[in-house]
Amino acid sequence: MTKLTTAARSAVRDRFPNLAKDVKSFPVRDGEEPWTLREAEELAAELLAEKERLEGELAVADEELSNLLRHSGDGTGDDQADSGSSALEREQELTLVNNVRDLLAQTSHALDRIAAGTYATCEETGLPIGKARLQAFPRANLSVEAKQRAERRCAPGRRRCLIHLSEPTRLARRG
């Protein structure tokens, strides 16, 4: 973990006034040390910075997609290759925008869980997610075991995926 700037620490304390109390109730897995306030503040600061970055990225990507859609017919003529290329470019930009939206939703959900004092608790089982998992992937809302079960339910060929919203494989769901 990195050392927080005064501004980052202040932003965390403003957004999460009960963090010093709540961190004591964040569960840990067997063999893990309890959460410290510093660890929780560092993860919260990381998530706040990520949210800000994603909001900026989404604004740019939305603008690029709007421009692409607005000018999608300009200069393509009747050439099927040009039309296909434009369609592929629009699809790629739309995928990028949707992925950024998903990451932003996951990040916001993690921040909401910190504010609610439920961070580090698996949303499916109520058991600890694990400090190591959260330090590697701060947006996680499922324990490794619950995540594995969810991925099995979303095996290829299944008509509907049951992956939870704020897990990264949601981006690859099948519909």
C-alpha atoms as a PDB file:
ATOM      1  CA  MET A   1       0.000   0.000   0.000  1.00  0.00           C
ATOM      2  CA  THR A   2       1.030   3.565  -0.577  1.00  0.00           C
ATOM      3  CA  LYS A   3       1.163   6.522   1.743  1.00  0.00           C
ATOM      4  CA  LEU A   4      -1.892   8.760   1.474  1.00  0.00           C
ATOM      5  CA  THR A   5      -1.612  12.445   0.782  1.00  0.00           C
ATOM      6  CA  THR A   6      -3.265  14.824   3.220  1.00  0.00           C
ATOM      7  CA  ALA A   7      -5.872  15.691   0.577  1.00  0.00           C
ATOM      8  CA  ALA A   8      -6.683  12.014  -0.090  1.00  0.00           C
ATOM      9  CA  ARG A   9      -6.954  11.245   3.628  1.00  0.00           C
ATOM     10  CA  SER A  10      -9.237  14.271   4.075  1.00  0.00           C
ATOM     11  CA  ALA A  11     -11.445  13.164   1.161  1.00  0.00           C
ATOM     12  CA  VAL A  12     -11.742   9.670   2.667  1.00  0.00           C
ATOM     13  CA  ARG A  13     -12.625  11.025   6.100  1.00  0.00           C
ATOM     14  CA  ASP A  14     -15.212  13.397   4.610  1.00  0.00           C
ATOM     15  CA  ARG A  15     -16.857  10.641   2.570  1.00  0.00           C
ATOM     16  CA  PHE A  16     -16.615   7.981   5.301  1.00  0.00           C
ATOM     17  CA  PRO A  17     -16.951   9.686   8.703  1.00  0.00           C
ATOM     18  CA  ASN A  18     -17.591   6.348  10.493  1.00  0.00           C
ATOM     19  CA  LEU A  19     -14.708   4.440   8.917  1.00  0.00           C
ATOM     20  CA  ALA A  20     -12.602   4.374  12.090  1.00  0.00           C
ATOM     21  CA  LYS A  21     -15.473   2.603  13.867  1.00  0.00           C
ATOM     22  CA  ASP A  22     -16.666   0.499  10.903  1.00  0.00           C
ATOM     23  CA  VAL A  23     -13.237  -0.906  10.060  1.00  0.00           C
ATOM     24  CA  LYS A  24     -13.275  -2.809  13.339  1.00  0.00           C
ATOM     25  CA  SER A  25     -16.237  -4.820  12.044  1.00  0.00           C
ATOM     26  CA  PHE A  26     -14.753  -5.612   8.607  1.00  0.00           C
ATOM     27  CA  PRO A  27     -14.356  -9.403   8.675  1.00  0.00           C
ATOM     28  CA  VAL A  28     -11.155 -11.247   7.818  1.00  0.00           C
ATOM     29  CA  ARG A  29     -10.469 -14.838   6.809  1.00  0.00           C
ATOM     30  CA  ASP A  30      -8.716 -17.294   9.098  1.00  0.00           C
ATOM     31  CA  GLY A  31      -5.054 -16.440   9.404  1.00  0.00           C
ATOM     32  CA  GLU A  32      -5.451 -12.797   8.354  1.00  0.00           C
ATOM     33  CA  GLU A  33      -4.721  -9.846  10.591  1.00  0.00           C
ATOM     34  CA  PRO A  34      -7.665  -7.538  11.393  1.00  0.00           C
ATOM     35  CA  TRP A  35      -8.198  -4.557   9.124  1.00  0.00           C
ATOM     36  CA  THR A  36      -6.423  -1.401  10.216  1.00  0.00           C
ATOM     37  CA  LEU A  37      -7.779   2.097   9.681  1.00  0.00           C
ATOM     38  CA  ARG A  38      -4.803   2.860   7.446  1.00  0.00           C
ATOM     39  CA  GLU A  39      -5.521  -0.151   5.196  1.00  0.00           C
ATOM     40  CA  ALA A  40      -9.184   0.807   4.894  1.00  0.00           C
ATOM     41  CA  GLU A  41      -8.337   4.451   4.190  1.00  0.00           C
ATOM     42  CA  GLU A  42      -5.859   3.438   1.492  1.00  0.00           C
ATOM     43  CA  LEU A  43      -8.406   1.190  -0.250  1.00  0.00           C
ATOM     44  CA  ALA A  44     -11.105   3.861   0.031  1.00  0.00           C
ATOM     45  CA  ALA A  45      -8.750   6.487  -1.406  1.00  0.00           C
ATOM     46  CA  GLU A  46      -7.831   4.134  -4.246  1.00  0.00           C
ATOM     47  CA  LEU A  47     -11.521   3.559  -5.019  1.00  0.00           C
ATOM     48  CA  LEU A  48     -12.320   7.288  -4.868  1.00  0.00           C
ATOM     49  CA  ALA A  49      -9.460   8.060  -7.276  1.00  0.00           C
ATOM     50  CA  GLU A  50     -10.569   5.222  -9.565  1.00  0.00           C
ATOM     51  CA  LYS A  51     -14.141   6.544  -9.569  1.00  0.00           C
ATOM     52  CA  GLU A  52     -12.945  10.008 -10.534  1.00  0.00           C
ATOM     53  CA  ARG A  53     -10.738   8.567 -13.300  1.00  0.00           C
ATOM     54  CA  LEU A  54     -13.556   6.398 -14.653  1.00  0.00           C
ATOM     55  CA  GLU A  55     -16.021   9.299 -14.645  1.00  0.00           C
ATOM     56  CA  GLY A  56     -13.584  11.318 -16.766  1.00  0.00           C
ATOM     57  CA  GLU A  57     -12.935   8.376 -19.064  1.00  0.00           C
ATOM     58  CA  LEU A  58     -16.673   7.777 -19.448  1.00  0.00           C
ATOM     59  CA  ALA A  59     -17.324  11.404 -20.363  1.00  0.00           C
ATOM     60  CA  VAL A  60     -14.663  11.233 -23.096  1.00  0.00           C
ATOM     61  CA  ALA A  61     -15.847   7.832 -24.365  1.00  0.00           C
ATOM     62  CA  ASP A  62     -19.487   8.978 -24.411  1.00  0.00           C
ATOM     63  CA  GLU A  63     -18.506  12.041 -26.444  1.00  0.00           C
ATOM     64  CA  GLU A  64     -16.483   9.935 -28.885  1.00  0.00           C
ATOM     65  CA  LEU A  65     -19.377   7.511 -29.290  1.00  0.00           C
ATOM     66  CA  SER A  66     -21.832  10.366 -29.859  1.00  0.00           C
ATOM     67  CA  ASN A  67     -19.562  11.844 -32.528  1.00  0.00           C
ATOM     68  CA  LEU A  68     -19.119   8.453 -34.142  1.00  0.00           C
ATOM     69  CA  LEU A  69     -22.885   7.859 -34.251  1.00  0.00           C
ATOM     70  CA  ARG A  70     -23.589  11.395 -35.460  1.00  0.00           C
ATOM     71  CA  HIS A  71     -21.103  11.085 -38.334  1.00  0.00           C
ATOM     72  CA  SER A  72     -21.479   7.381 -39.043  1.00  0.00           C
ATOM     73  CA  GLY A  73     -22.773   7.894 -42.578  1.00  0.00           C
ATOM     74  CA  ASP A  74     -20.405  10.684 -43.584  1.00  0.00           C
ATOM     75  CA  GLY A  75     -18.133   9.739 -46.458  1.00  0.00           C
ATOM     76  CA  THR A  76     -18.873   6.030 -46.465  1.00  0.00           C
ATOM     77  CA  GLY A  77     -20.608   6.078 -49.826  1.00  0.00           C
ATOM     78  CA  ASP A  78     -21.910   2.806 -51.111  1.00  0.00           C
ATOM     79  CA  ASP A  79     -18.791   0.752 -50.371  1.00  0.00           C
ATOM     80  CA  GLN A  80     -19.713  -2.256 -48.225  1.00  0.00           C
ATOM     81  CA  ALA A  81     -16.195  -2.441 -46.775  1.00  0.00           C
ATOM     82  CA  ASP A  82     -16.454   1.161 -45.541  1.00  0.00           C
ATOM     83  CA  SER A  83     -19.871   0.506 -44.043  1.00  0.00           C
ATOM     84  CA  GLY A  84     -18.610  -2.632 -42.330  1.00  0.00           C
ATOM     85  CA  SER A  85     -15.565  -0.821 -40.994  1.00  0.00           C
ATOM     86  CA  SER A  86     -17.755   1.973 -39.596  1.00  0.00           C
ATOM     87  CA  ALA A  87     -20.079  -0.544 -37.964  1.00  0.00           C
ATOM     88  CA  LEU A  88     -17.129  -2.339 -36.369  1.00  0.00           C
ATOM     89  CA  GLU A  89     -15.722   0.957 -35.057  1.00  0.00           C
ATOM     90  CA  ARG A  90     -19.115   1.874 -33.546  1.00  0.00           C
ATOM     91  CA  GLU A  91     -19.409  -1.565 -31.923  1.00  0.00           C
ATOM     92  CA  GLN A  92     -15.922  -1.308 -30.427  1.00  0.00           C
ATOM     93  CA  GLU A  93     -16.608   2.165 -29.038  1.00  0.00           C
ATOM     94  CA  LEU A  94     -19.952   1.012 -27.606  1.00  0.00           C
ATOM     95  CA  THR A  95     -18.225  -1.950 -25.926  1.00  0.00           C
ATOM     96  CA  LEU A  96     -15.632   0.391 -24.425  1.00  0.00           C
ATOM     97  CA  VAL A  97     -18.326   2.726 -23.075  1.00  0.00           C
ATOM     98  CA  ASN A  98     -20.261  -0.180 -21.568  1.00  0.00           C
ATOM     99  CA  ASN A  99     -17.137  -1.625 -19.941  1.00  0.00           C
ATOM    100  CA  VAL A 100     -16.273   1.734 -18.385  1.00  0.00           C
ATOM    101  CA  ARG A 101     -19.858   2.062 -17.126  1.00  0.00           C
ATOM    102  CA  ASP A 102     -19.639  -1.408 -15.574  1.00  0.00           C
ATOM    103  CA  LEU A 103     -16.342  -0.607 -13.843  1.00  0.00           C
ATOM    104  CA  LEU A 104     -17.767   2.684 -12.581  1.00  0.00           C
ATOM    105  CA  ALA A 105     -20.833   0.874 -11.201  1.00  0.00           C
ATOM    106  CA  GLN A 106     -18.589  -1.708  -9.486  1.00  0.00           C
ATOM    107  CA  THR A 107     -16.435   1.039  -7.985  1.00  0.00           C
ATOM    108  CA  SER A 108     -19.446   3.019  -6.769  1.00  0.00           C
ATOM    109  CA  HIS A 109     -20.915  -0.123  -5.243  1.00  0.00           C
ATOM    110  CA  ALA A 110     -17.667  -0.807  -3.354  1.00  0.00           C
ATOM    111  CA  LEU A 111     -17.670   2.772  -2.042  1.00  0.00           C
ATOM    112  CA  ASP A 112     -21.301   2.366  -0.960  1.00  0.00           C
ATOM    113  CA  ARG A 113     -20.361  -0.827   0.898  1.00  0.00           C
ATOM    114  CA  ILE A 114     -17.580   1.011   2.735  1.00  0.00           C
ATOM    115  CA  ALA A 115     -20.031   3.765   3.689  1.00  0.00           C
ATOM    116  CA  ALA A 116     -22.561   1.176   4.889  1.00  0.00           C
ATOM    117  CA  GLY A 117     -19.947  -0.692   6.935  1.00  0.00           C
ATOM    118  CA  THR A 118     -20.474  -3.901   4.933  1.00  0.00           C
ATOM    119  CA  TYR A 119     -17.212  -3.846   2.983  1.00  0.00           C
ATOM    120  CA  ALA A 120     -15.191  -7.076   3.127  1.00  0.00           C
ATOM    121  CA  THR A 121     -18.320  -9.210   3.614  1.00  0.00           C
ATOM    122  CA  CYS A 122     -19.380 -11.542   0.800  1.00  0.00           C
ATOM    123  CA  GLU A 123     -22.770 -10.464  -0.511  1.00  0.00           C
ATOM    124  CA  GLU A 124     -23.747 -14.048  -1.251  1.00  0.00           C
ATOM    125  CA  THR A 125     -22.567 -15.934   1.831  1.00  0.00           C
ATOM    126  CA  GLY A 126     -22.039 -13.247   4.474  1.00  0.00           C
ATOM    127  CA  LEU A 127     -18.534 -14.626   5.071  1.00  0.00           C
ATOM    128  CA  PRO A 128     -15.286 -12.633   4.799  1.00  0.00           C
ATOM    129  CA  ILE A 129     -14.097 -11.872   1.268  1.00  0.00           C
ATOM    130  CA  GLY A 130     -10.490 -11.756   2.419  1.00  0.00           C
ATOM    131  CA  LYS A 131      -8.046  -8.902   2.793  1.00  0.00           C
ATOM    132  CA  ALA A 132      -5.678 -10.227   0.136  1.00  0.00           C
ATOM    133  CA  ARG A 133      -8.500 -10.458  -2.429  1.00  0.00           C
ATOM    134  CA  LEU A 134      -9.744  -6.964  -1.622  1.00  0.00           C
ATOM    135  CA  GLN A 135      -6.267  -5.479  -1.695  1.00  0.00           C
ATOM    136  CA  ALA A 136      -5.770  -7.033  -5.148  1.00  0.00           C
ATOM    137  CA  PHE A 137      -9.316  -6.259  -6.361  1.00  0.00           C
ATOM    138  CA  PRO A 138     -10.951  -3.605  -4.142  1.00  0.00           C
ATOM    139  CA  ARG A 139     -14.267  -3.826  -6.029  1.00  0.00           C
ATOM    140  CA  ALA A 140     -14.821  -7.497  -5.141  1.00  0.00           C
ATOM    141  CA  ASN A 141     -18.138  -8.218  -3.463  1.00  0.00           C
ATOM    142  CA  LEU A 142     -17.885 -12.019  -3.413  1.00  0.00           C
ATOM    143  CA  SER A 143     -15.497 -14.388  -1.691  1.00  0.00           C
ATOM    144  CA  VAL A 144     -13.373 -16.559  -3.956  1.00  0.00           C
ATOM    145  CA  GLU A 145     -15.621 -19.553  -3.265  1.00  0.00           C
ATOM    146  CA  ALA A 146     -18.827 -17.651  -4.049  1.00  0.00           C
ATOM    147  CA  LYS A 147     -17.235 -16.214  -7.183  1.00  0.00           C
ATOM    148  CA  GLN A 148     -16.260 -19.700  -8.367  1.00  0.00           C
ATOM    149  CA  ARG A 149     -19.831 -20.937  -7.820  1.00  0.00           C
ATOM    150  CA  ALA A 150     -21.201 -17.959  -9.741  1.00  0.00           C
ATOM    151  CA  GLU A 151     -18.817 -18.612 -12.633  1.00  0.00           C
ATOM    152  CA  ARG A 152     -19.903 -22.258 -12.802  1.00  0.00           C
ATOM    153  CA  ARG A 153     -23.533 -21.119 -13.044  1.00  0.00           C
ATOM    154  CA  CYS A 154     -22.486 -18.980 -16.004  1.00  0.00           C
ATOM    155  CA  ALA A 155     -20.866 -21.758 -17.994  1.00  0.00           C
ATOM    156  CA  PRO A 156     -20.824 -21.417 -21.793  1.00  0.00           C
ATOM    157  CA  GLY A 157     -24.062 -22.511 -23.357  1.00  0.00           C
ATOM    158  CA  ARG A 158     -26.225 -21.363 -20.439  1.00  0.00           C
ATOM    159  CA  ARG A 159     -29.070 -19.166 -21.614  1.00  0.00           C
ATOM    160  CA  ARG A 160     -28.822 -16.678 -18.761  1.00  0.00           C
ATOM    161  CA  CYS A 161     -25.820 -15.767 -16.650  1.00  0.00           C
ATOM    162  CA  LEU A 162     -26.207 -15.432 -12.895  1.00  0.00           C
ATOM    163  CA  ILE A 163     -22.984 -13.514 -12.202  1.00  0.00           C
ATOM    164  CA  HIS A 164     -23.378 -10.719  -9.675  1.00  0.00           C
ATOM    165  CA  LEU A 165     -23.255  -7.146 -10.917  1.00  0.00           C
ATOM    166  CA  SER A 166     -20.036  -5.974  -9.385  1.00  0.00           C
ATOM    167  CA  GLU A 167     -17.759  -8.820 -10.324  1.00  0.00           C
ATOM    168  CA  PRO A 168     -15.417  -8.475 -13.324  1.00  0.00           C
ATOM    169  CA  THR A 169     -16.664 -11.488 -15.286  1.00  0.00           C
ATOM    170  CA  ARG A 170     -19.990  -9.714 -15.678  1.00  0.00           C
ATOM    171  CA  LEU A 171     -18.315  -7.924 -18.565  1.00  0.00           C
ATOM    172  CA  ALA A 172     -18.123 -11.225 -20.425  1.00  0.00           C
ATOM    173  CA  ARG A 173     -21.610 -12.467 -19.599  1.00  0.00           C
ATOM    174  CA  ARG A 174     -23.710 -14.210 -22.146  1.00  0.00           C
ATOM    175  CA  GLY A 175     -27.258 -13.157 -22.611  1.00  0.00           C
END
